[in-house]
């Protein structure tokens, strides 16, 4: 049970990191914001324990 919490915490952290990267790229280089988008969404799904 504790390993599942740790895994979820790291997935939430990675989701937040990639969210910041995505927003930053959306502001600075709008044509390339989609590059980190799959990583952000993948970590979001993992954090929600859907996958």
PDB file of N, CA and C in Angstrom:
ATOM      1  N   UNK A   1       0.821  -1.189   0.000  1.00  0.00           N
ATOM      2  CA  UNK A   1       0.000   0.000   0.000  1.00  0.00           C
ATOM      3  C   UNK A   1       0.866   1.254   0.000  1.00  0.00           C
ATOM      4  N   UNK A   2       1.950   1.229   0.759  1.00  0.00           N
ATOM      5  CA  UNK A   2       2.805   2.405   0.849  1.00  0.00           C
ATOM      6  C   UNK A   2       3.539   2.656  -0.458  1.00  0.00           C
ATOM      7  N   UNK A   3       3.902   1.595  -1.178  1.00  0.00           N
ATOM      8  CA  UNK A   3       4.584   1.781  -2.458  1.00  0.00           C
ATOM      9  C   UNK A   3       3.651   2.418  -3.488  1.00  0.00           C
ATOM     10  N   UNK A   4       2.364   2.141  -3.386  1.00  0.00           N
ATOM     11  CA  UNK A   4       1.398   2.767  -4.290  1.00  0.00           C
ATOM     12  C   UNK A   4       1.301   4.271  -4.025  1.00  0.00           C
ATOM     13  N   UNK A   5       1.358   4.673  -2.762  1.00  0.00           N
ATOM     14  CA  UNK A   5       1.331   6.098  -2.426  1.00  0.00           C
ATOM     15  C   UNK A   5       2.567   6.802  -2.957  1.00  0.00           C
ATOM     16  N   UNK A   6       3.725   6.161  -2.821  1.00  0.00           N
ATOM     17  CA  UNK A   6       4.967   6.757  -3.297  1.00  0.00           C
ATOM     18  C   UNK A   6       4.925   6.896  -4.816  1.00  0.00           C
ATOM     19  N   UNK A   7       4.441   5.891  -5.492  1.00  0.00           N
ATOM     20  CA  UNK A   7       4.333   5.939  -6.940  1.00  0.00           C
ATOM     21  C   UNK A   7       3.391   7.055  -7.377  1.00  0.00           C
ATOM     22  N   UNK A   8       2.292   7.202  -6.674  1.00  0.00           N
ATOM     23  CA  UNK A   8       1.337   8.253  -7.004  1.00  0.00           C
ATOM     24  C   UNK A   8       1.933   9.629  -6.745  1.00  0.00           C
ATOM     25  N   UNK A   9       2.676   9.767  -5.665  1.00  0.00           N
ATOM     26  CA  UNK A   9       3.289  11.061  -5.344  1.00  0.00           C
ATOM     27  C   UNK A   9       4.292  11.461  -6.414  1.00  0.00           C
ATOM     28  N   UNK A  10       5.089  10.521  -6.871  1.00  0.00           N
ATOM     29  CA  UNK A  10       6.070  10.851  -7.910  1.00  0.00           C
ATOM     30  C   UNK A  10       5.371  11.163  -9.232  1.00  0.00           C
ATOM     31  N   UNK A  11       4.269  10.484  -9.500  1.00  0.00           N
ATOM     32  CA  UNK A  11       3.518  10.772 -10.727  1.00  0.00           C
ATOM     33  C   UNK A  11       2.903  12.169 -10.665  1.00  0.00           C
ATOM     34  N   UNK A  12       2.391  12.565  -9.477  1.00  0.00           N
ATOM     35  CA  UNK A  12       1.845  13.924  -9.333  1.00  0.00           C
ATOM     36  C   UNK A  12       2.949  14.962  -9.506  1.00  0.00           C
ATOM     37  N   UNK A  13       4.114  14.684  -8.955  1.00  0.00           N
ATOM     38  CA  UNK A  13       5.232  15.611  -9.088  1.00  0.00           C
ATOM     39  C   UNK A  13       5.642  15.770 -10.552  1.00  0.00           C
ATOM     40  N   UNK A  14       5.746  14.658 -11.261  1.00  0.00           N
ATOM     41  CA  UNK A  14       6.109  14.725 -12.681  1.00  0.00           C
ATOM     42  C   UNK A  14       5.020  15.414 -13.495  1.00  0.00           C
ATOM     43  N   UNK A  15       3.761  15.208 -13.132  1.00  0.00           N
ATOM     44  CA  UNK A  15       2.663  15.909 -13.798  1.00  0.00           C
ATOM     45  C   UNK A  15       2.801  17.419 -13.619  1.00  0.00           C
ATOM     46  N   UNK A  16       3.115  17.856 -12.410  1.00  0.00           N
ATOM     47  CA  UNK A  16       3.273  19.289 -12.162  1.00  0.00           C
ATOM     48  C   UNK A  16       4.472  19.857 -12.912  1.00  0.00           C
ATOM     49  N   UNK A  17       5.565  19.107 -12.957  1.00  0.00           N
ATOM     50  CA  UNK A  17       6.754  19.559 -13.683  1.00  0.00           C
ATOM     51  C   UNK A  17       6.432  19.724 -15.168  1.00  0.00           C
ATOM     52  N   UNK A  18       5.800  18.732 -15.758  1.00  0.00           N
ATOM     53  CA  UNK A  18       5.480  18.822 -17.178  1.00  0.00           C
ATOM     54  C   UNK A  18       4.375  19.828 -17.457  1.00  0.00           C
ATOM     55  N   UNK A  19       3.523  20.091 -16.479  1.00  0.00           N
ATOM     56  CA  UNK A  19       2.526  21.151 -16.648  1.00  0.00           C
ATOM     57  C   UNK A  19       3.202  22.513 -16.746  1.00  0.00           C
ATOM     58  N   UNK A  20       4.186  22.747 -15.890  1.00  0.00           N
ATOM     59  CA  UNK A  20       4.934  24.009 -15.939  1.00  0.00           C
ATOM     60  C   UNK A  20       5.687  24.130 -17.257  1.00  0.00           C
ATOM     61  N   UNK A  21       6.297  23.042 -17.696  1.00  0.00           N
ATOM     62  CA  UNK A  21       7.019  23.060 -18.974  1.00  0.00           C
ATOM     63  C   UNK A  21       6.058  23.345 -20.121  1.00  0.00           C
ATOM     64  N   UNK A  22       4.889  22.705 -20.108  1.00  0.00           N
ATOM     65  CA  UNK A  22       3.899  22.911 -21.167  1.00  0.00           C
ATOM     66  C   UNK A  22       3.413  24.356 -21.190  1.00  0.00           C
ATOM     67  N   UNK A  23       3.111  24.906 -20.033  1.00  0.00           N
ATOM     68  CA  UNK A  23       2.637  26.290 -19.973  1.00  0.00           C
ATOM     69  C   UNK A  23       3.737  27.250 -20.409  1.00  0.00           C
ATOM     70  N   UNK A  24       4.967  26.978 -19.970  1.00  0.00           N
ATOM     71  CA  UNK A  24       6.094  27.807 -20.390  1.00  0.00           C
ATOM     72  C   UNK A  24       6.307  27.781 -21.891  1.00  0.00           C
ATOM     73  N   UNK A  25       6.197  26.600 -22.471  1.00  0.00           N
ATOM     74  CA  UNK A  25       6.359  26.509 -23.925  1.00  0.00           C
ATOM     75  C   UNK A  25       5.174  27.145 -24.642  1.00  0.00           C
ATOM     76  N   UNK A  26       3.995  27.093 -24.050  1.00  0.00           N
ATOM     77  CA  UNK A  26       2.832  27.728 -24.653  1.00  0.00           C
ATOM     78  C   UNK A  26       3.012  29.244 -24.698  1.00  0.00           C
ATOM     79  N   UNK A  27       3.674  29.789 -23.689  1.00  0.00           N
ATOM     80  CA  UNK A  27       3.917  31.227 -23.646  1.00  0.00           C
ATOM     81  C   UNK A  27       5.071  31.616 -24.565  1.00  0.00           C
ATOM     82  N   UNK A  28       6.179  30.862 -24.509  1.00  0.00           N
ATOM     83  CA  UNK A  28       7.386  31.246 -25.241  1.00  0.00           C
ATOM     84  C   UNK A  28       7.407  30.774 -26.690  1.00  0.00           C
ATOM     85  N   UNK A  29       7.047  29.520 -26.906  1.00  0.00           N
ATOM     86  CA  UNK A  29       7.100  28.933 -28.248  1.00  0.00           C
ATOM     87  C   UNK A  29       5.785  28.210 -28.511  1.00  0.00           C
ATOM     88  N   UNK A  30       4.720  28.960 -28.841  1.00  0.00           N
ATOM     89  CA  UNK A  30       3.387  28.347 -28.938  1.00  0.00           C
ATOM     90  C   UNK A  30       3.272  27.216 -29.958  1.00  0.00           C
ATOM     91  N   UNK A  31       4.070  27.246 -31.000  1.00  0.00           N
ATOM     92  CA  UNK A  31       3.948  26.203 -32.020  1.00  0.00           C
ATOM     93  C   UNK A  31       4.528  24.865 -31.555  1.00  0.00           C
ATOM     94  N   UNK A  32       5.280  24.847 -30.446  1.00  0.00           N
ATOM     95  CA  UNK A  32       5.890  23.617 -29.944  1.00  0.00           C
ATOM     96  C   UNK A  32       5.327  23.174 -28.595  1.00  0.00           C
ATOM     97  N   UNK A  33       4.234  23.763 -28.129  1.00  0.00           N
ATOM     98  CA  UNK A  33       3.709  23.406 -26.805  1.00  0.00           C
ATOM     99  C   UNK A  33       3.239  21.964 -26.743  1.00  0.00           C
ATOM    100  N   UNK A  34       2.919  21.373 -27.876  1.00  0.00           N
ATOM    101  CA  UNK A  34       2.392  20.012 -27.903  1.00  0.00           C
ATOM    102  C   UNK A  34       3.453  18.964 -27.611  1.00  0.00           C
ATOM    103  N   UNK A  35       4.736  19.322 -27.663  1.00  0.00           N
ATOM    104  CA  UNK A  35       5.801  18.335 -27.454  1.00  0.00           C
ATOM    105  C   UNK A  35       5.753  17.737 -26.039  1.00  0.00           C
ATOM    106  N   UNK A  36       5.671  18.536 -24.959  1.00  0.00           N
ATOM    107  CA  UNK A  36       5.593  17.919 -23.624  1.00  0.00           C
ATOM    108  C   UNK A  36       4.176  17.478 -23.240  1.00  0.00           C
ATOM    109  N   UNK A  37       3.190  17.757 -24.071  1.00  0.00           N
ATOM    110  CA  UNK A  37       1.798  17.446 -23.751  1.00  0.00           C
ATOM    111  C   UNK A  37       1.549  15.953 -23.497  1.00  0.00           C
ATOM    112  N   UNK A  38       2.069  15.029 -24.314  1.00  0.00           N
ATOM    113  CA  UNK A  38       1.827  13.599 -24.021  1.00  0.00           C
ATOM    114  C   UNK A  38       2.407  13.158 -22.684  1.00  0.00           C
ATOM    115  N   UNK A  39       3.562  13.716 -22.303  1.00  0.00           N
ATOM    116  CA  UNK A  39       4.160  13.355 -21.017  1.00  0.00           C
ATOM    117  C   UNK A  39       3.299  13.857 -19.869  1.00  0.00           C
ATOM    118  N   UNK A  40       2.821  15.081 -19.993  1.00  0.00           N
ATOM    119  CA  UNK A  40       1.967  15.645 -18.954  1.00  0.00           C
ATOM    120  C   UNK A  40       0.700  14.805 -18.780  1.00  0.00           C
ATOM    121  N   UNK A  41       0.068  14.442 -19.867  1.00  0.00           N
ATOM    122  CA  UNK A  41      -1.169  13.668 -19.788  1.00  0.00           C
ATOM    123  C   UNK A  41      -0.933  12.247 -19.293  1.00  0.00           C
ATOM    124  N   UNK A  42       0.189  11.654 -19.674  1.00  0.00           N
ATOM    125  CA  UNK A  42       0.509  10.305 -19.206  1.00  0.00           C
ATOM    126  C   UNK A  42       0.702  10.280 -17.692  1.00  0.00           C
ATOM    127  N   UNK A  43       1.447  11.247 -17.169  1.00  0.00           N
ATOM    128  CA  UNK A  43       1.654  11.296 -15.724  1.00  0.00           C
ATOM    129  C   UNK A  43       0.368  11.645 -14.985  1.00  0.00           C
ATOM    130  N   UNK A  44      -0.511  12.410 -15.600  1.00  0.00           N
ATOM    131  CA  UNK A  44      -1.799  12.694 -14.980  1.00  0.00           C
ATOM    132  C   UNK A  44      -2.638  11.422 -14.845  1.00  0.00           C
ATOM    133  N   UNK A  45      -2.641  10.618 -15.876  1.00  0.00           N
ATOM    134  CA  UNK A  45      -3.390   9.366 -15.837  1.00  0.00           C
ATOM    135  C   UNK A  45      -2.802   8.420 -14.796  1.00  0.00           C
ATOM    136  N   UNK A  46      -1.467   8.365 -14.718  1.00  0.00           N
ATOM    137  CA  UNK A  46      -0.819   7.510 -13.715  1.00  0.00           C
ATOM    138  C   UNK A  46      -1.114   8.012 -12.294  1.00  0.00           C
ATOM    139  N   UNK A  47      -1.129   9.314 -12.103  1.00  0.00           N
ATOM    140  CA  UNK A  47      -1.396   9.880 -10.779  1.00  0.00           C
ATOM    141  C   UNK A  47      -2.829   9.612 -10.340  1.00  0.00           C
ATOM    142  N   UNK A  48      -3.745   9.554 -11.290  1.00  0.00           N
ATOM    143  CA  UNK A  48      -5.141   9.274 -10.962  1.00  0.00           C
ATOM    144  C   UNK A  48      -5.410   7.777 -10.778  1.00  0.00           C
ATOM    145  N   UNK A  49      -4.369   6.944 -10.947  1.00  0.00           N
ATOM    146  CA  UNK A  49      -4.465   5.487 -10.838  1.00  0.00           C
ATOM    147  C   UNK A  49      -5.454   4.887 -11.827  1.00  0.00           C
ATOM    148  N   UNK A  50      -5.500   5.434 -13.021  1.00  0.00           N
ATOM    149  CA  UNK A  50      -6.376   4.906 -14.057  1.00  0.00           C
ATOM    150  C   UNK A  50      -5.620   3.876 -14.888  1.00  0.00           C
ATOM    151  N   UNK A  51      -4.327   4.040 -15.016  1.00  0.00           N
ATOM    152  CA  UNK A  51      -3.528   3.159 -15.855  1.00  0.00           C
ATOM    153  C   UNK A  51      -2.814   2.136 -14.991  1.00  0.00           C
TER     154      UNK A  51
END
